[in-house]
mmCIF file of all heavy atoms, coordinates in Angstrom:
data_MODEL
# 
_entry.id   MODEL 
# 
loop_
_atom_site.group_PDB 
_atom_site.id 
_atom_site.type_symbol 
_atom_site.label_atom_id 
_atom_site.label_alt_id 
_atom_site.label_comp_id 
_atom_site.label_asym_id 
_atom_site.label_entity_id 
_atom_site.label_seq_id 
_atom_site.pdbx_PDB_ins_code 
_atom_site.Cartn_x 
_atom_site.Cartn_y 
_atom_site.Cartn_z 
_atom_site.occupancy 
_atom_site.B_iso_or_equiv 
_atom_site.pdbx_formal_charge 
_atom_site.auth_seq_id 
_atom_site.auth_comp_id 
_atom_site.auth_asym_id 
_atom_site.auth_atom_id 
_atom_site.pdbx_PDB_model_num 
ATOM 1   N N   . PRO A 1 1  ? 9.663   5.793  2.429   1.00 0.00 ? 1  PRO A N   1 
ATOM 2   C CA  . PRO A 1 1  ? 9.031   6.532  1.321   1.00 0.00 ? 1  PRO A CA  1 
ATOM 3   C C   . PRO A 1 1  ? 9.829   6.514  0.028   1.00 0.00 ? 1  PRO A C   1 
ATOM 4   O O   . PRO A 1 1  ? 9.260   6.651  -1.055  1.00 0.00 ? 1  PRO A O   1 
ATOM 5   C CB  . PRO A 1 1  ? 8.927   7.958  1.867   1.00 0.00 ? 1  PRO A CB  1 
ATOM 6   C CG  . PRO A 1 1  ? 8.986   7.810  3.341   1.00 0.00 ? 1  PRO A CG  1 
ATOM 7   C CD  . PRO A 1 1  ? 9.888   6.648  3.582   1.00 0.00 ? 1  PRO A CD  1 
ATOM 8   N N   . GLU A 1 2  ? 11.154  6.376  0.132   1.00 0.00 ? 2  GLU A N   1 
ATOM 9   C CA  . GLU A 1 2  ? 11.963  6.337  -1.081  1.00 0.00 ? 2  GLU A CA  1 
ATOM 10  C C   . GLU A 1 2  ? 11.672  5.075  -1.893  1.00 0.00 ? 2  GLU A C   1 
ATOM 11  O O   . GLU A 1 2  ? 11.949  5.015  -3.082  1.00 0.00 ? 2  GLU A O   1 
ATOM 12  C CB  . GLU A 1 2  ? 13.451  6.401  -0.724  1.00 0.00 ? 2  GLU A CB  1 
ATOM 13  C CG  . GLU A 1 2  ? 13.905  7.740  -0.152  1.00 0.00 ? 2  GLU A CG  1 
ATOM 14  C CD  . GLU A 1 2  ? 13.425  7.981  1.270   1.00 0.00 ? 2  GLU A CD  1 
ATOM 15  O OE1 . GLU A 1 2  ? 13.059  6.994  1.956   1.00 0.00 ? 2  GLU A OE1 1 
ATOM 16  O OE2 . GLU A 1 2  ? 13.386  9.155  1.684   1.00 0.00 ? 2  GLU A OE2 1 
ATOM 17  N N   . GLU A 1 3  ? 11.126  4.042  -1.233  1.00 0.00 ? 3  GLU A N   1 
ATOM 18  C CA  . GLU A 1 3  ? 10.831  2.781  -1.899  1.00 0.00 ? 3  GLU A CA  1 
ATOM 19  C C   . GLU A 1 3  ? 9.332   2.524  -2.034  1.00 0.00 ? 3  GLU A C   1 
ATOM 20  O O   . GLU A 1 3  ? 8.903   1.773  -2.897  1.00 0.00 ? 3  GLU A O   1 
ATOM 21  C CB  . GLU A 1 3  ? 11.451  1.620  -1.111  1.00 0.00 ? 3  GLU A CB  1 
ATOM 22  C CG  . GLU A 1 3  ? 12.957  1.756  -0.912  1.00 0.00 ? 3  GLU A CG  1 
ATOM 23  C CD  . GLU A 1 3  ? 13.496  0.751  0.081   1.00 0.00 ? 3  GLU A CD  1 
ATOM 24  O OE1 . GLU A 1 3  ? 12.757  -0.190 0.442   1.00 0.00 ? 3  GLU A OE1 1 
ATOM 25  O OE2 . GLU A 1 3  ? 14.650  0.915  0.510   1.00 0.00 ? 3  GLU A OE2 1 
ATOM 26  N N   . GLU A 1 4  ? 8.535   3.132  -1.170  1.00 0.00 ? 4  GLU A N   1 
ATOM 27  C CA  . GLU A 1 4  ? 7.107   2.857  -1.126  1.00 0.00 ? 4  GLU A CA  1 
ATOM 28  C C   . GLU A 1 4  ? 6.328   4.152  -1.341  1.00 0.00 ? 4  GLU A C   1 
ATOM 29  O O   . GLU A 1 4  ? 6.634   5.177  -0.754  1.00 0.00 ? 4  GLU A O   1 
ATOM 30  C CB  . GLU A 1 4  ? 6.718   2.260  0.226   1.00 0.00 ? 4  GLU A CB  1 
ATOM 31  C CG  . GLU A 1 4  ? 7.504   1.003  0.564   1.00 0.00 ? 4  GLU A CG  1 
ATOM 32  C CD  . GLU A 1 4  ? 7.285   0.570  2.003   1.00 0.00 ? 4  GLU A CD  1 
ATOM 33  O OE1 . GLU A 1 4  ? 7.708   1.313  2.907   1.00 0.00 ? 4  GLU A OE1 1 
ATOM 34  O OE2 . GLU A 1 4  ? 6.697   -0.485 2.210   1.00 0.00 ? 4  GLU A OE2 1 
ATOM 35  N N   . THR A 1 5  ? 5.293   4.112  -2.166  1.00 0.00 ? 5  THR A N   1 
ATOM 36  C CA  . THR A 1 5  ? 4.519   5.302  -2.468  1.00 0.00 ? 5  THR A CA  1 
ATOM 37  C C   . THR A 1 5  ? 3.450   5.545  -1.408  1.00 0.00 ? 5  THR A C   1 
ATOM 38  O O   . THR A 1 5  ? 3.038   4.638  -0.686  1.00 0.00 ? 5  THR A O   1 
ATOM 39  C CB  . THR A 1 5  ? 3.831   5.172  -3.833  1.00 0.00 ? 5  THR A CB  1 
ATOM 40  O OG1 . THR A 1 5  ? 2.855   4.106  -3.753  1.00 0.00 ? 5  THR A OG1 1 
ATOM 41  C CG2 . THR A 1 5  ? 4.834   4.879  -4.936  1.00 0.00 ? 5  THR A CG2 1 
ATOM 42  N N   . ALA A 1 6  ? 2.984   6.798  -1.350  1.00 0.00 ? 6  ALA A N   1 
ATOM 43  C CA  . ALA A 1 6  ? 1.907   7.147  -0.427  1.00 0.00 ? 6  ALA A CA  1 
ATOM 44  C C   . ALA A 1 6  ? 0.629   6.394  -0.788  1.00 0.00 ? 6  ALA A C   1 
ATOM 45  O O   . ALA A 1 6  ? -0.135  5.983  0.087   1.00 0.00 ? 6  ALA A O   1 
ATOM 46  C CB  . ALA A 1 6  ? 1.669   8.656  -0.458  1.00 0.00 ? 6  ALA A CB  1 
ATOM 47  N N   . GLU A 1 7  ? 0.401   6.193  -2.083  1.00 0.00 ? 7  GLU A N   1 
ATOM 48  C CA  . GLU A 1 7  ? -0.805  5.465  -2.515  1.00 0.00 ? 7  GLU A CA  1 
ATOM 49  C C   . GLU A 1 7  ? -0.778  4.031  -2.003  1.00 0.00 ? 7  GLU A C   1 
ATOM 50  O O   . GLU A 1 7  ? -1.795  3.508  -1.531  1.00 0.00 ? 7  GLU A O   1 
ATOM 51  C CB  . GLU A 1 7  ? -0.908  5.477  -4.033  1.00 0.00 ? 7  GLU A CB  1 
ATOM 52  C CG  . GLU A 1 7  ? -2.147  4.766  -4.563  1.00 0.00 ? 7  GLU A CG  1 
ATOM 53  C CD  . GLU A 1 7  ? -2.284  4.882  -6.070  1.00 0.00 ? 7  GLU A CD  1 
ATOM 54  O OE1 . GLU A 1 7  ? -1.425  5.500  -6.706  1.00 0.00 ? 7  GLU A OE1 1 
ATOM 55  O OE2 . GLU A 1 7  ? -3.277  4.342  -6.587  1.00 0.00 ? 7  GLU A OE2 1 
ATOM 56  N N   . ARG A 1 8  ? 0.397   3.394  -2.056  1.00 0.00 ? 8  ARG A N   1 
ATOM 57  C CA  . ARG A 1 8  ? 0.535   2.027  -1.575  1.00 0.00 ? 8  ARG A CA  1 
ATOM 58  C C   . ARG A 1 8  ? 0.254   1.958  -0.079  1.00 0.00 ? 8  ARG A C   1 
ATOM 59  O O   . ARG A 1 8  ? -0.435  1.053  0.396   1.00 0.00 ? 8  ARG A O   1 
ATOM 60  C CB  . ARG A 1 8  ? 1.951   1.542  -1.879  1.00 0.00 ? 8  ARG A CB  1 
ATOM 61  C CG  . ARG A 1 8  ? 2.220   0.096  -1.506  1.00 0.00 ? 8  ARG A CG  1 
ATOM 62  C CD  . ARG A 1 8  ? 3.639   -0.278 -1.908  1.00 0.00 ? 8  ARG A CD  1 
ATOM 63  N NE  . ARG A 1 8  ? 3.951   -1.647 -1.582  1.00 0.00 ? 8  ARG A NE  1 
ATOM 64  C CZ  . ARG A 1 8  ? 5.136   -2.196 -1.792  1.00 0.00 ? 8  ARG A CZ  1 
ATOM 65  N NH1 . ARG A 1 8  ? 6.103   -1.488 -2.341  1.00 0.00 ? 8  ARG A NH1 1 
ATOM 66  N NH2 . ARG A 1 8  ? 5.361   -3.455 -1.462  1.00 0.00 ? 8  ARG A NH2 1 
ATOM 67  N N   . TRP A 1 9  ? 0.764   2.933  0.669   1.00 0.00 ? 9  TRP A N   1 
ATOM 68  C CA  . TRP A 1 9  ? 0.520   2.936  2.113   1.00 0.00 ? 9  TRP A CA  1 
ATOM 69  C C   . TRP A 1 9  ? -0.931  3.265  2.445   1.00 0.00 ? 9  TRP A C   1 
ATOM 70  O O   . TRP A 1 9  ? -1.490  2.739  3.408   1.00 0.00 ? 9  TRP A O   1 
ATOM 71  C CB  . TRP A 1 9  ? 1.482   3.900  2.811   1.00 0.00 ? 9  TRP A CB  1 
ATOM 72  C CG  . TRP A 1 9  ? 2.663   3.160  3.326   1.00 0.00 ? 9  TRP A CG  1 
ATOM 73  C CD1 . TRP A 1 9  ? 3.827   2.907  2.679   1.00 0.00 ? 9  TRP A CD1 1 
ATOM 74  C CD2 . TRP A 1 9  ? 2.761   2.507  4.592   1.00 0.00 ? 9  TRP A CD2 1 
ATOM 75  N NE1 . TRP A 1 9  ? 4.652   2.145  3.462   1.00 0.00 ? 9  TRP A NE1 1 
ATOM 76  C CE2 . TRP A 1 9  ? 4.040   1.890  4.633   1.00 0.00 ? 9  TRP A CE2 1 
ATOM 77  C CE3 . TRP A 1 9  ? 1.916   2.393  5.689   1.00 0.00 ? 9  TRP A CE3 1 
ATOM 78  C CZ2 . TRP A 1 9  ? 4.476   1.155  5.736   1.00 0.00 ? 9  TRP A CZ2 1 
ATOM 79  C CZ3 . TRP A 1 9  ? 2.351   1.670  6.789   1.00 0.00 ? 9  TRP A CZ3 1 
ATOM 80  C CH2 . TRP A 1 9  ? 3.616   1.060  6.806   1.00 0.00 ? 9  TRP A CH2 1 
ATOM 81  N N   . ALA A 1 10 ? -1.569  4.106  1.648   1.00 0.00 ? 10 ALA A N   1 
ATOM 82  C CA  . ALA A 1 10 ? -2.982  4.411  1.880   1.00 0.00 ? 10 ALA A CA  1 
ATOM 83  C C   . ALA A 1 10 ? -3.815  3.150  1.734   1.00 0.00 ? 10 ALA A C   1 
ATOM 84  O O   . ALA A 1 10 ? -4.710  2.875  2.540   1.00 0.00 ? 10 ALA A O   1 
ATOM 85  C CB  . ALA A 1 10 ? -3.460  5.488  0.901   1.00 0.00 ? 10 ALA A CB  1 
ATOM 86  N N   . LYS A 1 11 ? -3.533  2.343  0.708   1.00 0.00 ? 11 LYS A N   1 
ATOM 87  C CA  . LYS A 1 11 ? -4.232  1.075  0.517   1.00 0.00 ? 11 LYS A CA  1 
ATOM 88  C C   . LYS A 1 11 ? -3.957  0.127  1.685   1.00 0.00 ? 11 LYS A C   1 
ATOM 89  O O   . LYS A 1 11 ? -4.852  -0.522 2.215   1.00 0.00 ? 11 LYS A O   1 
ATOM 90  C CB  . LYS A 1 11 ? -3.779  0.420  -0.795  1.00 0.00 ? 11 LYS A CB  1 
ATOM 91  C CG  . LYS A 1 11 ? -4.195  1.157  -2.049  1.00 0.00 ? 11 LYS A CG  1 
ATOM 92  C CD  . LYS A 1 11 ? -5.648  0.913  -2.384  1.00 0.00 ? 11 LYS A CD  1 
ATOM 93  C CE  . LYS A 1 11 ? -6.002  1.507  -3.739  1.00 0.00 ? 11 LYS A CE  1 
ATOM 94  N NZ  . LYS A 1 11 ? -7.433  1.327  -4.055  1.00 0.00 ? 11 LYS A NZ  1 
ATOM 95  N N   . LYS A 1 12 ? -2.705  0.057  2.075   1.00 0.00 ? 12 LYS A N   1 
ATOM 96  C CA  . LYS A 1 12 ? -2.296  -0.849 3.146   1.00 0.00 ? 12 LYS A CA  1 
ATOM 97  C C   . LYS A 1 12 ? -2.981  -0.497 4.459   1.00 0.00 ? 12 LYS A C   1 
ATOM 98  O O   . LYS A 1 12 ? -3.399  -1.368 5.223   1.00 0.00 ? 12 LYS A O   1 
ATOM 99  C CB  . LYS A 1 12 ? -0.776  -0.768 3.296   1.00 0.00 ? 12 LYS A CB  1 
ATOM 100 C CG  . LYS A 1 12 ? -0.169  -1.702 4.324   1.00 0.00 ? 12 LYS A CG  1 
ATOM 101 C CD  . LYS A 1 12 ? 1.350   -1.605 4.255   1.00 0.00 ? 12 LYS A CD  1 
ATOM 102 C CE  . LYS A 1 12 ? 2.019   -2.432 5.327   1.00 0.00 ? 12 LYS A CE  1 
ATOM 103 N NZ  . LYS A 1 12 ? 3.487   -2.384 5.230   1.00 0.00 ? 12 LYS A NZ  1 
ATOM 104 N N   . LEU A 1 13 ? -3.128  0.792  4.734   1.00 0.00 ? 13 LEU A N   1 
ATOM 105 C CA  . LEU A 1 13 ? -3.734  1.231  5.985   1.00 0.00 ? 13 LEU A CA  1 
ATOM 106 C C   . LEU A 1 13 ? -5.251  1.054  5.988   1.00 0.00 ? 13 LEU A C   1 
ATOM 107 O O   . LEU A 1 13 ? -5.849  0.803  7.023   1.00 0.00 ? 13 LEU A O   1 
ATOM 108 C CB  . LEU A 1 13 ? -3.391  2.703  6.250   1.00 0.00 ? 13 LEU A CB  1 
ATOM 109 C CG  . LEU A 1 13 ? -1.937  2.989  6.641   1.00 0.00 ? 13 LEU A CG  1 
ATOM 110 C CD1 . LEU A 1 13 ? -1.652  4.483  6.550   1.00 0.00 ? 13 LEU A CD1 1 
ATOM 111 C CD2 . LEU A 1 13 ? -1.646  2.481  8.045   1.00 0.00 ? 13 LEU A CD2 1 
ATOM 112 N N   . CYS A 1 14 ? -5.866  1.191  4.819   1.00 0.00 ? 14 CYS A N   1 
ATOM 113 C CA  . CYS A 1 14 ? -7.327  1.197  4.757   1.00 0.00 ? 14 CYS A CA  1 
ATOM 114 C C   . CYS A 1 14 ? -7.957  -0.195 4.673   1.00 0.00 ? 14 CYS A C   1 
ATOM 115 O O   . CYS A 1 14 ? -9.095  -0.375 5.093   1.00 0.00 ? 14 CYS A O   1 
ATOM 116 C CB  . CYS A 1 14 ? -7.794  2.021  3.560   1.00 0.00 ? 14 CYS A CB  1 
ATOM 117 S SG  . CYS A 1 14 ? -7.441  3.774  3.730   1.00 0.00 ? 14 CYS A SG  1 
ATOM 118 N N   . LEU A 1 15 ? -7.235  -1.170 4.119   1.00 0.00 ? 15 LEU A N   1 
ATOM 119 C CA  . LEU A 1 15 ? -7.791  -2.511 3.975   1.00 0.00 ? 15 LEU A CA  1 
ATOM 120 C C   . LEU A 1 15 ? -7.378  -3.361 5.157   1.00 0.00 ? 15 LEU A C   1 
ATOM 121 O O   . LEU A 1 15 ? -6.196  -3.671 5.322   1.00 0.00 ? 15 LEU A O   1 
ATOM 122 C CB  . LEU A 1 15 ? -7.318  -3.137 2.658   1.00 0.00 ? 15 LEU A CB  1 
ATOM 123 C CG  . LEU A 1 15 ? -7.802  -2.439 1.382   1.00 0.00 ? 15 LEU A CG  1 
ATOM 124 C CD1 . LEU A 1 15 ? -7.178  -3.090 0.161   1.00 0.00 ? 15 LEU A CD1 1 
ATOM 125 C CD2 . LEU A 1 15 ? -9.315  -2.470 1.294   1.00 0.00 ? 15 LEU A CD2 1 
ATOM 126 N N   . ARG A 1 16 ? -8.312  -3.747 5.985   1.00 0.00 ? 16 ARG A N   1 
ATOM 127 C CA  . ARG A 1 16 ? -8.026  -4.500 7.197   1.00 0.00 ? 16 ARG A CA  1 
ATOM 128 C C   . ARG A 1 16 ? -7.394  -5.858 6.865   1.00 0.00 ? 16 ARG A C   1 
ATOM 129 O O   . ARG A 1 16 ? -7.863  -6.583 6.012   1.00 0.00 ? 16 ARG A O   1 
ATOM 130 C CB  . ARG A 1 16 ? -9.316  -4.709 7.988   1.00 0.00 ? 16 ARG A CB  1 
ATOM 131 C CG  . ARG A 1 16 ? -9.112  -5.405 9.328   1.00 0.00 ? 16 ARG A CG  1 
ATOM 132 C CD  . ARG A 1 16 ? -10.415 -5.538 10.071  1.00 0.00 ? 16 ARG A CD  1 
ATOM 133 N NE  . ARG A 1 16 ? -11.020 -4.239 10.318  1.00 0.00 ? 16 ARG A NE  1 
ATOM 134 C CZ  . ARG A 1 16 ? -12.224 -4.083 10.884  1.00 0.00 ? 16 ARG A CZ  1 
ATOM 135 N NH1 . ARG A 1 16 ? -12.925 -5.147 11.231  1.00 0.00 ? 16 ARG A NH1 1 
ATOM 136 N NH2 . ARG A 1 16 ? -12.710 -2.882 11.072  1.00 0.00 ? 16 ARG A NH2 1 
ATOM 137 N N   . GLY A 1 17 ? -6.306  -6.178 7.569   1.00 0.00 ? 17 GLY A N   1 
ATOM 138 C CA  . GLY A 1 17 ? -5.656  -7.463 7.383   1.00 0.00 ? 17 GLY A CA  1 
ATOM 139 C C   . GLY A 1 17 ? -4.592  -7.463 6.309   1.00 0.00 ? 17 GLY A C   1 
ATOM 140 O O   . GLY A 1 17 ? -3.850  -8.422 6.170   1.00 0.00 ? 17 GLY A O   1 
ATOM 141 N N   . VAL A 1 18 ? -4.498  -6.373 5.524   1.00 0.00 ? 18 VAL A N   1 
ATOM 142 C CA  . VAL A 1 18 ? -3.510  -6.309 4.458   1.00 0.00 ? 18 VAL A CA  1 
ATOM 143 C C   . VAL A 1 18 ? -2.146  -5.971 5.032   1.00 0.00 ? 18 VAL A C   1 
ATOM 144 O O   . VAL A 1 18 ? -1.987  -4.992 5.746   1.00 0.00 ? 18 VAL A O   1 
ATOM 145 C CB  . VAL A 1 18 ? -3.911  -5.269 3.382   1.00 0.00 ? 18 VAL A CB  1 
ATOM 146 C CG1 . VAL A 1 18 ? -2.795  -5.094 2.364   1.00 0.00 ? 18 VAL A CG1 1 
ATOM 147 C CG2 . VAL A 1 18 ? -5.185  -5.703 2.685   1.00 0.00 ? 18 VAL A CG2 1 
ATOM 148 N N   . VAL A 1 19 ? -1.152  -6.807 4.714   1.00 0.00 ? 19 VAL A N   1 
ATOM 149 C CA  . VAL A 1 19 ? 0.218   -6.582 5.177   1.00 0.00 ? 19 VAL A CA  1 
ATOM 150 C C   . VAL A 1 19 ? 0.974   -5.712 4.189   1.00 0.00 ? 19 VAL A C   1 
ATOM 151 O O   . VAL A 1 19 ? 1.714   -4.812 4.566   1.00 0.00 ? 19 VAL A O   1 
ATOM 152 C CB  . VAL A 1 19 ? 0.950   -7.929 5.359   1.00 0.00 ? 19 VAL A CB  1 
ATOM 153 C CG1 . VAL A 1 19 ? 2.380   -7.710 5.819   1.00 0.00 ? 19 VAL A CG1 1 
ATOM 154 C CG2 . VAL A 1 19 ? 0.197   -8.812 6.353   1.00 0.00 ? 19 VAL A CG2 1 
ATOM 155 N N   . ASP A 1 20 ? 0.789   -5.960 2.907   1.00 0.00 ? 20 ASP A N   1 
ATOM 156 C CA  . ASP A 1 20 ? 1.475   -5.190 1.869   1.00 0.00 ? 20 ASP A CA  1 
ATOM 157 C C   . ASP A 1 20 ? 0.688   -5.306 0.579   1.00 0.00 ? 20 ASP A C   1 
ATOM 158 O O   . ASP A 1 20 ? -0.172  -6.180 0.428   1.00 0.00 ? 20 ASP A O   1 
ATOM 159 C CB  . ASP A 1 20 ? 2.900   -5.705 1.674   1.00 0.00 ? 20 ASP A CB  1 
ATOM 160 C CG  . ASP A 1 20 ? 3.831   -4.624 1.136   1.00 0.00 ? 20 ASP A CG  1 
ATOM 161 O OD1 . ASP A 1 20 ? 3.326   -3.558 0.736   1.00 0.00 ? 20 ASP A OD1 1 
ATOM 162 O OD2 . ASP A 1 20 ? 5.050   -4.845 1.123   1.00 0.00 ? 20 ASP A OD2 1 
ATOM 163 N N   . SER A 1 21 ? 0.986   -4.415 -0.375  1.00 0.00 ? 21 SER A N   1 
ATOM 164 C CA  . SER A 1 21 ? 0.250   -4.437 -1.639  1.00 0.00 ? 21 SER A CA  1 
ATOM 165 C C   . SER A 1 21 ? 1.137   -3.964 -2.777  1.00 0.00 ? 21 SER A C   1 
ATOM 166 O O   . SER A 1 21 ? 2.060   -3.173 -2.586  1.00 0.00 ? 21 SER A O   1 
ATOM 167 C CB  . SER A 1 21 ? -0.995  -3.541 -1.558  1.00 0.00 ? 21 SER A CB  1 
ATOM 168 O OG  . SER A 1 21 ? -0.619  -2.179 -1.397  1.00 0.00 ? 21 SER A OG  1 
ATOM 169 N N   . PHE A 1 22 ? 0.844   -4.466 -3.973  1.00 0.00 ? 22 PHE A N   1 
ATOM 170 C CA  . PHE A 1 22 ? 1.537   -4.046 -5.180  1.00 0.00 ? 22 PHE A CA  1 
ATOM 171 C C   . PHE A 1 22 ? 0.489   -3.945 -6.282  1.00 0.00 ? 22 PHE A C   1 
ATOM 172 O O   . PHE A 1 22 ? -0.118  -4.949 -6.665  1.00 0.00 ? 22 PHE A O   1 
ATOM 173 C CB  . PHE A 1 22 ? 2.614   -5.049 -5.576  1.00 0.00 ? 22 PHE A CB  1 
ATOM 174 C CG  . PHE A 1 22 ? 3.338   -4.674 -6.840  1.00 0.00 ? 22 PHE A CG  1 
ATOM 175 C CD1 . PHE A 1 22 ? 4.218   -3.612 -6.868  1.00 0.00 ? 22 PHE A CD1 1 
ATOM 176 C CD2 . PHE A 1 22 ? 3.112   -5.383 -8.016  1.00 0.00 ? 22 PHE A CD2 1 
ATOM 177 C CE1 . PHE A 1 22 ? 4.870   -3.255 -8.035  1.00 0.00 ? 22 PHE A CE1 1 
ATOM 178 C CE2 . PHE A 1 22 ? 3.762   -5.034 -9.195  1.00 0.00 ? 22 PHE A CE2 1 
ATOM 179 C CZ  . PHE A 1 22 ? 4.640   -3.966 -9.203  1.00 0.00 ? 22 PHE A CZ  1 
ATOM 180 N N   . HIS A 1 23 ? 0.251   -2.731 -6.762  1.00 0.00 ? 23 HIS A N   1 
ATOM 181 C CA  . HIS A 1 23 ? -0.807  -2.512 -7.744  1.00 0.00 ? 23 HIS A CA  1 
ATOM 182 C C   . HIS A 1 23 ? -0.223  -2.531 -9.154  1.00 0.00 ? 23 HIS A C   1 
ATOM 183 O O   . HIS A 1 23 ? 0.619   -1.704 -9.506  1.00 0.00 ? 23 HIS A O   1 
ATOM 184 C CB  . HIS A 1 23 ? -1.539  -1.212 -7.448  1.00 0.00 ? 23 HIS A CB  1 
ATOM 185 C CG  . HIS A 1 23 ? -2.323  -1.302 -6.185  1.00 0.00 ? 23 HIS A CG  1 
ATOM 186 N ND1 . HIS A 1 23 ? -3.662  -1.599 -6.155  1.00 0.00 ? 23 HIS A ND1 1 
ATOM 187 C CD2 . HIS A 1 23 ? -1.934  -1.212 -4.887  1.00 0.00 ? 23 HIS A CD2 1 
ATOM 188 C CE1 . HIS A 1 23 ? -4.077  -1.671 -4.896  1.00 0.00 ? 23 HIS A CE1 1 
ATOM 189 N NE2 . HIS A 1 23 ? -3.041  -1.432 -4.121  1.00 0.00 ? 23 HIS A NE2 1 
ATOM 190 N N   . LEU A 1 24 ? -0.673  -3.510 -9.932  1.00 0.00 ? 24 LEU A N   1 
ATOM 191 C CA  . LEU A 1 24 ? -0.153  -3.705 -11.285 1.00 0.00 ? 24 LEU A CA  1 
ATOM 192 C C   . LEU A 1 24 ? -0.687  -2.647 -12.240 1.00 0.00 ? 24 LEU A C   1 
ATOM 193 O O   . LEU A 1 24 ? 0.016   -2.198 -13.141 1.00 0.00 ? 24 LEU A O   1 
ATOM 194 C CB  . LEU A 1 24 ? -0.529  -5.102 -11.780 1.00 0.00 ? 24 LEU A CB  1 
ATOM 195 C CG  . LEU A 1 24 ? -0.015  -6.255 -10.888 1.00 0.00 ? 24 LEU A CG  1 
ATOM 196 C CD1 . LEU A 1 24 ? -0.601  -7.569 -11.355 1.00 0.00 ? 24 LEU A CD1 1 
ATOM 197 C CD2 . LEU A 1 24 ? 1.500   -6.305 -10.903 1.00 0.00 ? 24 LEU A CD2 1 
ATOM 198 N N   . ASP A 1 25 ? -1.943  -2.264 -12.069 1.00 0.00 ? 25 ASP A N   1 
ATOM 199 C CA  . ASP A 1 25 ? -2.573  -1.194 -12.838 1.00 0.00 ? 25 ASP A CA  1 
ATOM 200 C C   . ASP A 1 25 ? -3.805  -0.773 -12.037 1.00 0.00 ? 25 ASP A C   1 
ATOM 201 O O   . ASP A 1 25 ? -4.009  -1.259 -10.924 1.00 0.00 ? 25 ASP A O   1 
ATOM 202 C CB  . ASP A 1 25 ? -2.912  -1.654 -14.265 1.00 0.00 ? 25 ASP A CB  1 
ATOM 203 C CG  . ASP A 1 25 ? -3.998  -2.723 -14.335 1.00 0.00 ? 25 ASP A CG  1 
ATOM 204 O OD1 . ASP A 1 25 ? -4.735  -2.907 -13.355 1.00 0.00 ? 25 ASP A OD1 1 
ATOM 205 O OD2 . ASP A 1 25 ? -4.122  -3.363 -15.397 1.00 0.00 ? 25 ASP A OD2 1 
# 
């Protein structure tokens, strides 16, 4: 959590097949 946000993990958990994500905007 110190490096990854809850929003990033919510996206990662909800989109099937997604390993990781980085949202630019």
